[in-house]
Each structure stands twice: as C-alpha cells, then as structure tokens.
Amino acid sequence: MRRLLLIGLALLAACALERLALGPVTGDPAAIPLTVVDELASVAGPRDPVTLQNALVLGDTLRLEVSYGGGCRTHAFGLLVQRTFLETNPVQAPTALAHDDRDDPCDALVSRTLLVDLRPLREEYRRAYGAATGTLVLRFTSALLVAYTF
C-alpha cells in the first residue's frame, strides 16, 4: 500500500512539473530539462531563489553548480533559453535557471550539481544560421557568460 501511495505521489509531482515548464523528472537526478522559449520575460512559472556557483560546458553537457535554501523537499529545476539569439560575436542566448522549491520550509544551505543536455540548443542554432558548427554563449547575466562550442 505504501509503495502504491509513493508511486501516486511521484506521478502527481511529475504532472505538476510539466505544468510549471520545468519538465518531467528524468532517471538521472542531476539531469534537468532545457526548454527553448520565445522570450524569457514571457515565461510564467517558479523563480525561487537559487545561486549559480559555477557553470561549465563539457561536450554537449552543461554542468551547473548551484546552492539554495531547503533540505526537506525535493526541488525542481529547468534551464530556459531564449530562441531569439543576440546578434553579437559570438552569438549569445539569454538564459535563466528556473527553480521551484515546492514550498520547502527548511533553511539548510543545499549544494547540488545539475546537468543539462545542450543538443536541442545546438539544433536551434543550426536552424537559425544553417551552420554545422559554431559557438553560442549562454548569457545568464551580463557577468556570467558560458561558451558552448560544437
């Protein structure tokens, strides 16, 4: 009975994540979805506080080191990337990390590594520019830029 209850709660949580544009939870607890959107400002959804400590691209994977307050509930994350690239050299893509703390009442400082598959973003670049290779800079803020070369 307990196992059935846990499965039901997991399915309910996955449906809630899809509504919040954070995507479903995958088999890898560190993997988070990448969603390409028309405009970052137009995306409704959770933007609970999270600190991006470090970001590094390894091949087609973005590795994010984050910290946030919590510790009692499983938090959900998603990477939002704007489809309309900034025409700089190299091209930049406005990027935001969505975070849903699910009303976690705890205040412990949690550190975590998140992984994002960047291949869908590479395909967006190829559609926009018709180039098989390139460099796209993920622009989290004016001070935090991460280059993705493919």
C-alpha atoms as a PDB file:
ATOM      1  CA  MET A   1       0.000   0.000   0.000  1.00  0.00           C
ATOM      2  CA  ARG A   2       2.822   2.391   0.894  1.00  0.00           C
ATOM      3  CA  ARG A   3       4.554   1.698  -2.428  1.00  0.00           C
ATOM      4  CA  LEU A   4       1.333   2.465  -4.329  1.00  0.00           C
ATOM      5  CA  LEU A   5       0.995   5.760  -2.445  1.00  0.00           C
ATOM      6  CA  LEU A   6       4.598   6.713  -3.300  1.00  0.00           C
ATOM      7  CA  ILE A   7       4.050   5.917  -6.992  1.00  0.00           C
ATOM      8  CA  GLY A   8       0.902   8.055  -6.999  1.00  0.00           C
ATOM      9  CA  LEU A   9       2.727  10.970  -5.377  1.00  0.00           C
ATOM     10  CA  ALA A  10       5.594  10.678  -7.881  1.00  0.00           C
ATOM     11  CA  LEU A  11       3.161  10.788 -10.817  1.00  0.00           C
ATOM     12  CA  LEU A  12       1.385  13.792  -9.328  1.00  0.00           C
ATOM     13  CA  ALA A  13       4.710  15.603  -8.868  1.00  0.00           C
ATOM     14  CA  ALA A  14       5.769  14.855 -12.460  1.00  0.00           C
ATOM     15  CA  CYS A  15       2.491  16.296 -13.795  1.00  0.00           C
ATOM     16  CA  ALA A  16       2.931  19.422 -11.685  1.00  0.00           C
ATOM     17  CA  LEU A  17       6.450  19.903 -13.052  1.00  0.00           C
ATOM     18  CA  GLU A  18       5.227  19.698 -16.637  1.00  0.00           C
ATOM     19  CA  ARG A  19       2.665  22.456 -15.956  1.00  0.00           C
ATOM     20  CA  LEU A  20       5.416  24.632 -14.479  1.00  0.00           C
ATOM     21  CA  ALA A  21       7.610  24.381 -17.616  1.00  0.00           C
ATOM     22  CA  LEU A  22      10.339  22.612 -15.663  1.00  0.00           C
ATOM     23  CA  GLY A  23       9.747  19.339 -17.452  1.00  0.00           C
ATOM     24  CA  PRO A  24       9.416  15.866 -16.045  1.00  0.00           C
ATOM     25  CA  VAL A  25      11.984  14.389 -13.713  1.00  0.00           C
ATOM     26  CA  THR A  26      14.304  12.031 -15.594  1.00  0.00           C
ATOM     27  CA  GLY A  27      16.010   8.863 -14.368  1.00  0.00           C
ATOM     28  CA  ASP A  28      19.190  10.828 -13.574  1.00  0.00           C
ATOM     29  CA  PRO A  29      18.505  13.026 -10.523  1.00  0.00           C
ATOM     30  CA  ALA A  30      21.146  15.521 -11.700  1.00  0.00           C
ATOM     31  CA  ALA A  31      19.678  15.882 -15.228  1.00  0.00           C
ATOM     32  CA  ILE A  32      17.321  18.804 -15.756  1.00  0.00           C
ATOM     33  CA  PRO A  33      15.383  19.765 -18.885  1.00  0.00           C
ATOM     34  CA  LEU A  34      16.311  22.506 -21.337  1.00  0.00           C
ATOM     35  CA  THR A  35      13.359  24.467 -22.703  1.00  0.00           C
ATOM     36  CA  VAL A  36      13.749  26.872 -25.629  1.00  0.00           C
ATOM     37  CA  VAL A  37      11.279  29.765 -25.288  1.00  0.00           C
ATOM     38  CA  ASP A  38      10.416  32.765 -27.462  1.00  0.00           C
ATOM     39  CA  GLU A  39      11.088  35.343 -24.722  1.00  0.00           C
ATOM     40  CA  LEU A  40      12.404  34.714 -21.199  1.00  0.00           C
ATOM     41  CA  ALA A  41      10.291  37.542 -19.782  1.00  0.00           C
ATOM     42  CA  SER A  42       7.083  35.916 -21.036  1.00  0.00           C
ATOM     43  CA  VAL A  43       7.628  32.610 -19.222  1.00  0.00           C
ATOM     44  CA  ALA A  44       5.418  32.195 -16.183  1.00  0.00           C
ATOM     45  CA  GLY A  45       6.490  29.779 -13.533  1.00  0.00           C
ATOM     46  CA  PRO A  46       8.563  29.363 -10.422  1.00  0.00           C
ATOM     47  CA  ARG A  47      11.628  31.514  -9.941  1.00  0.00           C
ATOM     48  CA  ASP A  48      12.528  30.668  -6.374  1.00  0.00           C
ATOM     49  CA  PRO A  49      15.968  31.867  -5.191  1.00  0.00           C
ATOM     50  CA  VAL A  50      18.986  29.864  -6.327  1.00  0.00           C
ATOM     51  CA  THR A  51      22.656  30.822  -6.531  1.00  0.00           C
ATOM     52  CA  LEU A  52      24.623  29.674  -9.547  1.00  0.00           C
ATOM     53  CA  GLN A  53      28.106  28.998  -8.163  1.00  0.00           C
ATOM     54  CA  ASN A  54      29.745  27.732 -11.352  1.00  0.00           C
ATOM     55  CA  ALA A  55      28.874  26.741 -14.906  1.00  0.00           C
ATOM     56  CA  LEU A  56      30.988  24.644 -17.256  1.00  0.00           C
ATOM     57  CA  VAL A  57      30.345  23.082 -20.664  1.00  0.00           C
ATOM     58  CA  LEU A  58      31.786  19.616 -21.264  1.00  0.00           C
ATOM     59  CA  GLY A  59      30.968  18.453 -24.798  1.00  0.00           C
ATOM     60  CA  ASP A  60      27.194  18.745 -25.153  1.00  0.00           C
ATOM     61  CA  THR A  61      26.540  18.872 -21.403  1.00  0.00           C
ATOM     62  CA  LEU A  62      26.229  21.977 -19.252  1.00  0.00           C
ATOM     63  CA  ARG A  63      27.292  21.364 -15.658  1.00  0.00           C
ATOM     64  CA  LEU A  64      25.789  23.794 -13.137  1.00  0.00           C
ATOM     65  CA  GLU A  65      26.910  24.028  -9.508  1.00  0.00           C
ATOM     66  CA  VAL A  66      24.047  25.574  -7.537  1.00  0.00           C
ATOM     67  CA  SER A  67      23.135  26.306  -3.941  1.00  0.00           C
ATOM     68  CA  TYR A  68      19.783  27.139  -2.388  1.00  0.00           C
ATOM     69  CA  GLY A  69      17.898  27.100   0.894  1.00  0.00           C
ATOM     70  CA  GLY A  70      15.913  23.989   1.741  1.00  0.00           C
ATOM     71  CA  GLY A  71      16.619  20.416   2.720  1.00  0.00           C
ATOM     72  CA  CYS A  72      13.174  18.989   3.486  1.00  0.00           C
ATOM     73  CA  ARG A  73      11.742  18.615  -0.030  1.00  0.00           C
ATOM     74  CA  THR A  74      12.998  17.700  -3.487  1.00  0.00           C
ATOM     75  CA  HIS A  75      13.400  20.867  -5.547  1.00  0.00           C
ATOM     76  CA  ALA A  76      12.768  21.074  -9.310  1.00  0.00           C
ATOM     77  CA  PHE A  77      14.950  22.908 -11.840  1.00  0.00           C
ATOM     78  CA  GLY A  78      14.841  23.703 -15.530  1.00  0.00           C
ATOM     79  CA  LEU A  79      17.036  25.683 -17.897  1.00  0.00           C
ATOM     80  CA  LEU A  80      15.226  28.266 -20.017  1.00  0.00           C
ATOM     81  CA  VAL A  81      16.967  29.571 -23.146  1.00  0.00           C
ATOM     82  CA  GLN A  82      15.607  32.305 -25.378  1.00  0.00           C
ATOM     83  CA  ARG A  83      15.135  31.295 -29.031  1.00  0.00           C
ATOM     84  CA  THR A  84      15.851  34.816 -30.303  1.00  0.00           C
ATOM     85  CA  PHE A  85      19.636  34.985 -30.126  1.00  0.00           C
ATOM     86  CA  LEU A  86      21.530  38.228 -29.538  1.00  0.00           C
ATOM     87  CA  GLU A  87      23.473  39.123 -32.684  1.00  0.00           C
ATOM     88  CA  THR A  88      26.884  39.524 -31.082  1.00  0.00           C
ATOM     89  CA  ASN A  89      30.143  37.846 -31.990  1.00  0.00           C
ATOM     90  CA  PRO A  90      29.880  35.110 -30.870  1.00  0.00           C
ATOM     91  CA  VAL A  91      26.092  34.838 -30.769  1.00  0.00           C
ATOM     92  CA  GLN A  92      24.544  34.963 -27.277  1.00  0.00           C
ATOM     93  CA  ALA A  93      21.407  33.302 -25.921  1.00  0.00           C
ATOM     94  CA  PRO A  94      19.674  34.846 -22.881  1.00  0.00           C
ATOM     95  CA  THR A  95      19.420  32.035 -20.314  1.00  0.00           C
ATOM     96  CA  ALA A  96      17.707  31.592 -16.944  1.00  0.00           C
ATOM     97  CA  LEU A  97      17.615  28.824 -14.364  1.00  0.00           C
ATOM     98  CA  ALA A  98      14.063  28.112 -13.178  1.00  0.00           C
ATOM     99  CA  HIS A  99      13.770  26.792  -9.631  1.00  0.00           C
ATOM    100  CA  ASP A 100      10.711  25.516  -7.782  1.00  0.00           C
ATOM    101  CA  ASP A 101      11.388  24.994  -4.082  1.00  0.00           C
ATOM    102  CA  ARG A 102       7.961  23.352  -3.640  1.00  0.00           C
ATOM    103  CA  ASP A 103       7.398  25.454  -0.517  1.00  0.00           C
ATOM    104  CA  ASP A 104      10.287  23.775   1.299  1.00  0.00           C
ATOM    105  CA  PRO A 105      10.060  25.001   4.923  1.00  0.00           C
ATOM    106  CA  CYS A 106      13.707  24.193   5.770  1.00  0.00           C
ATOM    107  CA  ASP A 107      16.613  26.646   5.664  1.00  0.00           C
ATOM    108  CA  ALA A 108      19.685  24.430   5.270  1.00  0.00           C
ATOM    109  CA  LEU A 109      22.144  25.510   2.575  1.00  0.00           C
ATOM    110  CA  VAL A 110      21.984  22.809  -0.093  1.00  0.00           C
ATOM    111  CA  SER A 111      24.666  22.476  -2.789  1.00  0.00           C
ATOM    112  CA  ARG A 112      23.996  20.423  -5.882  1.00  0.00           C
ATOM    113  CA  THR A 113      25.296  19.716  -9.373  1.00  0.00           C
ATOM    114  CA  LEU A 114      22.801  19.887 -12.241  1.00  0.00           C
ATOM    115  CA  LEU A 115      23.393  18.560 -15.756  1.00  0.00           C
ATOM    116  CA  VAL A 116      21.737  19.859 -18.939  1.00  0.00           C
ATOM    117  CA  ASP A 117      21.852  18.284 -22.407  1.00  0.00           C
ATOM    118  CA  LEU A 118      22.625  21.173 -24.796  1.00  0.00           C
ATOM    119  CA  ARG A 119      21.979  19.308 -28.064  1.00  0.00           C
ATOM    120  CA  PRO A 120      18.493  20.848 -28.533  1.00  0.00           C
ATOM    121  CA  LEU A 121      20.118  24.272 -28.336  1.00  0.00           C
ATOM    122  CA  ARG A 122      22.703  23.267 -30.931  1.00  0.00           C
ATOM    123  CA  GLU A 123      19.816  22.323 -33.254  1.00  0.00           C
ATOM    124  CA  GLU A 124      18.168  25.733 -32.688  1.00  0.00           C
ATOM    125  CA  TYR A 125      21.443  27.388 -33.686  1.00  0.00           C
ATOM    126  CA  ARG A 126      21.694  25.244 -36.821  1.00  0.00           C
ATOM    127  CA  ARG A 127      18.116  26.112 -37.821  1.00  0.00           C
ATOM    128  CA  ALA A 128      18.754  29.815 -37.305  1.00  0.00           C
ATOM    129  CA  TYR A 129      22.148  30.039 -39.033  1.00  0.00           C
ATOM    130  CA  GLY A 130      22.401  26.969 -41.251  1.00  0.00           C
ATOM    131  CA  ALA A 131      25.866  26.247 -39.852  1.00  0.00           C
ATOM    132  CA  ALA A 132      27.015  22.796 -38.729  1.00  0.00           C
ATOM    133  CA  THR A 133      29.489  24.247 -36.227  1.00  0.00           C
ATOM    134  CA  GLY A 134      29.577  27.356 -34.108  1.00  0.00           C
ATOM    135  CA  THR A 135      29.852  28.947 -30.710  1.00  0.00           C
ATOM    136  CA  LEU A 136      26.837  30.031 -28.708  1.00  0.00           C
ATOM    137  CA  VAL A 137      27.317  31.927 -25.471  1.00  0.00           C
ATOM    138  CA  LEU A 138      24.757  31.216 -22.745  1.00  0.00           C
ATOM    139  CA  ARG A 139      24.109  34.573 -21.083  1.00  0.00           C
ATOM    140  CA  PHE A 140      22.852  34.030 -17.531  1.00  0.00           C
ATOM    141  CA  THR A 141      23.667  37.623 -16.556  1.00  0.00           C
ATOM    142  CA  SER A 142      25.940  40.278 -18.015  1.00  0.00           C
ATOM    143  CA  ALA A 143      28.668  38.935 -15.718  1.00  0.00           C
ATOM    144  CA  LEU A 144      28.035  35.204 -16.163  1.00  0.00           C
ATOM    145  CA  LEU A 145      28.627  34.000 -19.700  1.00  0.00           C
ATOM    146  CA  VAL A 146      29.332  30.372 -20.680  1.00  0.00           C
ATOM    147  CA  ALA A 147      30.511  29.389 -24.175  1.00  0.00           C
ATOM    148  CA  TYR A 148      29.131  26.286 -25.907  1.00  0.00           C
ATOM    149  CA  THR A 149      31.198  25.318 -28.970  1.00  0.00           C
ATOM    150  CA  PHE A 150      30.052  22.486 -31.222  1.00  0.00           C
END
